[in-house]
C-alpha atoms as a PDB file:
ATOM      1  CA  UNK A   1     -12.372 -10.687   4.297  1.00  0.00           C
ATOM      2  CA  UNK A   2      -8.866 -11.709   4.704  1.00  0.00           C
ATOM      3  CA  UNK A   3      -6.235 -11.223   2.089  1.00  0.00           C
ATOM      4  CA  UNK A   4      -2.667 -12.025   1.662  1.00  0.00           C
ATOM      5  CA  UNK A   5      -0.127  -9.430   0.333  1.00  0.00           C
ATOM      6  CA  UNK A   6       1.945  -9.751  -2.474  1.00  0.00           C
ATOM      7  CA  UNK A   7       4.668  -7.159  -2.866  1.00  0.00           C
ATOM      8  CA  UNK A   8       5.728  -5.940  -6.402  1.00  0.00           C
ATOM      9  CA  UNK A   9      10.021  -5.786  -6.374  1.00  0.00           C
ATOM     10  CA  UNK A  10       9.598  -1.779  -6.779  1.00  0.00           C
ATOM     11  CA  UNK A  11       7.105  -2.017  -3.088  1.00  0.00           C
ATOM     12  CA  UNK A  12       9.850  -4.526  -1.986  1.00  0.00           C
ATOM     13  CA  UNK A  13      12.704  -2.490  -2.269  1.00  0.00           C
ATOM     14  CA  UNK A  14      11.244   0.546  -0.649  1.00  0.00           C
ATOM     15  CA  UNK A  15      10.300  -1.342   2.257  1.00  0.00           C
ATOM     16  CA  UNK A  16      13.777  -2.527   2.672  1.00  0.00           C
ATOM     17  CA  UNK A  17      15.538   0.630   2.251  1.00  0.00           C
ATOM     18  CA  UNK A  18      12.813   2.219   4.411  1.00  0.00           C
ATOM     19  CA  UNK A  19      14.294  -0.095   7.169  1.00  0.00           C
ATOM     20  CA  UNK A  20      17.929   1.322   7.104  1.00  0.00           C
ATOM     21  CA  UNK A  21      16.912   4.941   5.833  1.00  0.00           C
ATOM     22  CA  UNK A  22      13.530   5.611   8.154  1.00  0.00           C
ATOM     23  CA  UNK A  23      13.023   2.452  10.663  1.00  0.00           C
ATOM     24  CA  UNK A  24      10.082   4.838  11.784  1.00  0.00           C
ATOM     25  CA  UNK A  25       8.506   4.999   8.568  1.00  0.00           C
ATOM     26  CA  UNK A  26       9.059   1.834   8.024  1.00  0.00           C
ATOM     27  CA  UNK A  27       7.031   0.636  11.320  1.00  0.00           C
ATOM     28  CA  UNK A  28       3.773   2.677   9.958  1.00  0.00           C
ATOM     29  CA  UNK A  29       4.227   1.204   6.480  1.00  0.00           C
ATOM     30  CA  UNK A  30       4.107  -2.186   8.330  1.00  0.00           C
ATOM     31  CA  UNK A  31       1.058  -1.340  10.494  1.00  0.00           C
ATOM     32  CA  UNK A  32      -0.987  -0.090   6.994  1.00  0.00           C
ATOM     33  CA  UNK A  33       0.241  -3.289   5.492  1.00  0.00           C
ATOM     34  CA  UNK A  34      -0.970  -5.398   8.787  1.00  0.00           C
ATOM     35  CA  UNK A  35      -4.387  -3.122   8.658  1.00  0.00           C
ATOM     36  CA  UNK A  36      -4.912  -4.156   4.692  1.00  0.00           C
ATOM     37  CA  UNK A  37      -4.652  -7.493   5.590  1.00  0.00           C
ATOM     38  CA  UNK A  38      -7.506  -7.911   7.569  1.00  0.00           C
ATOM     39  CA  UNK A  39      -9.858  -4.716   6.880  1.00  0.00           C
ATOM     40  CA  UNK A  40      -9.107  -2.562   3.970  1.00  0.00           C
ATOM     41  CA  UNK A  41     -12.123  -0.677   5.040  1.00  0.00           C
ATOM     42  CA  UNK A  42     -10.085   0.477   8.216  1.00  0.00           C
ATOM     43  CA  UNK A  43     -11.025   4.063   8.456  1.00  0.00           C
ATOM     44  CA  UNK A  44      -7.393   5.051   9.167  1.00  0.00           C
ATOM     45  CA  UNK A  45      -6.627   3.555   5.531  1.00  0.00           C
ATOM     46  CA  UNK A  46      -9.100   6.256   3.846  1.00  0.00           C
ATOM     47  CA  UNK A  47      -8.757   3.723   1.166  1.00  0.00           C
ATOM     48  CA  UNK A  48      -9.947   5.131  -2.309  1.00  0.00           C
ATOM     49  CA  UNK A  49     -10.067   4.098  -5.865  1.00  0.00           C
ATOM     50  CA  UNK A  50      -7.472   5.892  -7.673  1.00  0.00           C
ATOM     51  CA  UNK A  51      -8.884   6.807 -11.160  1.00  0.00           C
ATOM     52  CA  UNK A  52      -5.353   7.647 -12.834  1.00  0.00           C
ATOM     53  CA  UNK A  53      -3.374   4.605 -12.773  1.00  0.00           C
ATOM     54  CA  UNK A  54      -3.854   1.183 -13.919  1.00  0.00           C
ATOM     55  CA  UNK A  55      -2.661  -1.980 -12.483  1.00  0.00           C
ATOM     56  CA  UNK A  56      -0.330  -4.263 -14.821  1.00  0.00           C
ATOM     57  CA  UNK A  57      -3.253  -5.957 -16.369  1.00  0.00           C
ATOM     58  CA  UNK A  58      -5.592  -3.033 -16.384  1.00  0.00           C
ATOM     59  CA  UNK A  59      -7.252  -3.960 -12.877  1.00  0.00           C
ATOM     60  CA  UNK A  60      -8.358  -0.692 -10.785  1.00  0.00           C
ATOM     61  CA  UNK A  61      -5.646   0.652  -8.165  1.00  0.00           C
ATOM     62  CA  UNK A  62      -6.256   1.903  -5.014  1.00  0.00           C
ATOM     63  CA  UNK A  63      -4.526   4.137  -2.575  1.00  0.00           C
ATOM     64  CA  UNK A  64      -4.123   3.451   0.901  1.00  0.00           C
ATOM     65  CA  UNK A  65      -2.796   6.074   3.471  1.00  0.00           C
ATOM     66  CA  UNK A  66       0.273   5.215   5.261  1.00  0.00           C
ATOM     67  CA  UNK A  67       0.108   8.986   6.891  1.00  0.00           C
ATOM     68  CA  UNK A  68      -2.412  11.808   6.346  1.00  0.00           C
ATOM     69  CA  UNK A  69      -1.386  15.662   6.824  1.00  0.00           C
ATOM     70  CA  UNK A  70       2.136  15.213   6.680  1.00  0.00           C
ATOM     71  CA  UNK A  71       4.708  16.540   4.168  1.00  0.00           C
ATOM     72  CA  UNK A  72       5.751  13.632   2.162  1.00  0.00           C
ATOM     73  CA  UNK A  73       3.262  11.628   3.780  1.00  0.00           C
ATOM     74  CA  UNK A  74       3.243   7.816   1.943  1.00  0.00           C
ATOM     75  CA  UNK A  75       0.575   5.911   0.186  1.00  0.00           C
ATOM     76  CA  UNK A  76       0.335   2.591  -0.648  1.00  0.00           C
ATOM     77  CA  UNK A  77      -0.915   1.672  -4.271  1.00  0.00           C
ATOM     78  CA  UNK A  78      -2.356  -1.489  -4.630  1.00  0.00           C
ATOM     79  CA  UNK A  79      -5.041  -3.514  -6.547  1.00  0.00           C
ATOM     80  CA  UNK A  80      -7.098  -6.944  -6.205  1.00  0.00           C
ATOM     81  CA  UNK A  81      -5.413 -10.187  -7.646  1.00  0.00           C
ATOM     82  CA  UNK A  82      -4.043 -12.058  -8.797  1.00  0.00           C
ATOM     83  CA  UNK A  83      -6.224 -14.759  -6.830  1.00  0.00           C
ATOM     84  CA  UNK A  84      -9.463 -13.882  -5.358  1.00  0.00           C
ATOM     85  CA  UNK A  85      -7.981 -13.669  -1.812  1.00  0.00           C
ATOM     86  CA  UNK A  86      -5.218 -11.927  -2.593  1.00  0.00           C
ATOM     87  CA  UNK A  87      -3.932  -8.207  -3.064  1.00  0.00           C
ATOM     88  CA  UNK A  88      -0.888  -6.716  -4.978  1.00  0.00           C
ATOM     89  CA  UNK A  89       0.983  -3.885  -3.441  1.00  0.00           C
ATOM     90  CA  UNK A  90       2.070  -2.362  -6.752  1.00  0.00           C
ATOM     91  CA  UNK A  91       4.183   0.800  -5.018  1.00  0.00           C
ATOM     92  CA  UNK A  92       4.872   2.713  -1.682  1.00  0.00           C
ATOM     93  CA  UNK A  93       5.783   5.975  -2.200  1.00  0.00           C
ATOM     94  CA  UNK A  94       5.408   9.427  -0.497  1.00  0.00           C
ATOM     95  CA  UNK A  95       2.963  11.625  -2.207  1.00  0.00           C
ATOM     96  CA  UNK A  96       4.152  15.086  -3.161  1.00  0.00           C
END
């Protein structure tokens, strides 16, 4: 199933800031978002449920990897919806 992505304001801001502060990282994030549109089960995404967060309306939140085994590796947090063929990107952030 193919999904249309909706980015929260926070995610849009982070993506735009990466364009000026770290274009290589922005390119990696854009690649991850592209994979998410066509295959959420792509092995490189390592997508899994993130149990300590909930979406804006109590939805389950999932995490996808932008990078792995990198200090400050970036992650994308997302949930399904609001419509059946959409996913909402809640946050794009570095992992402690």
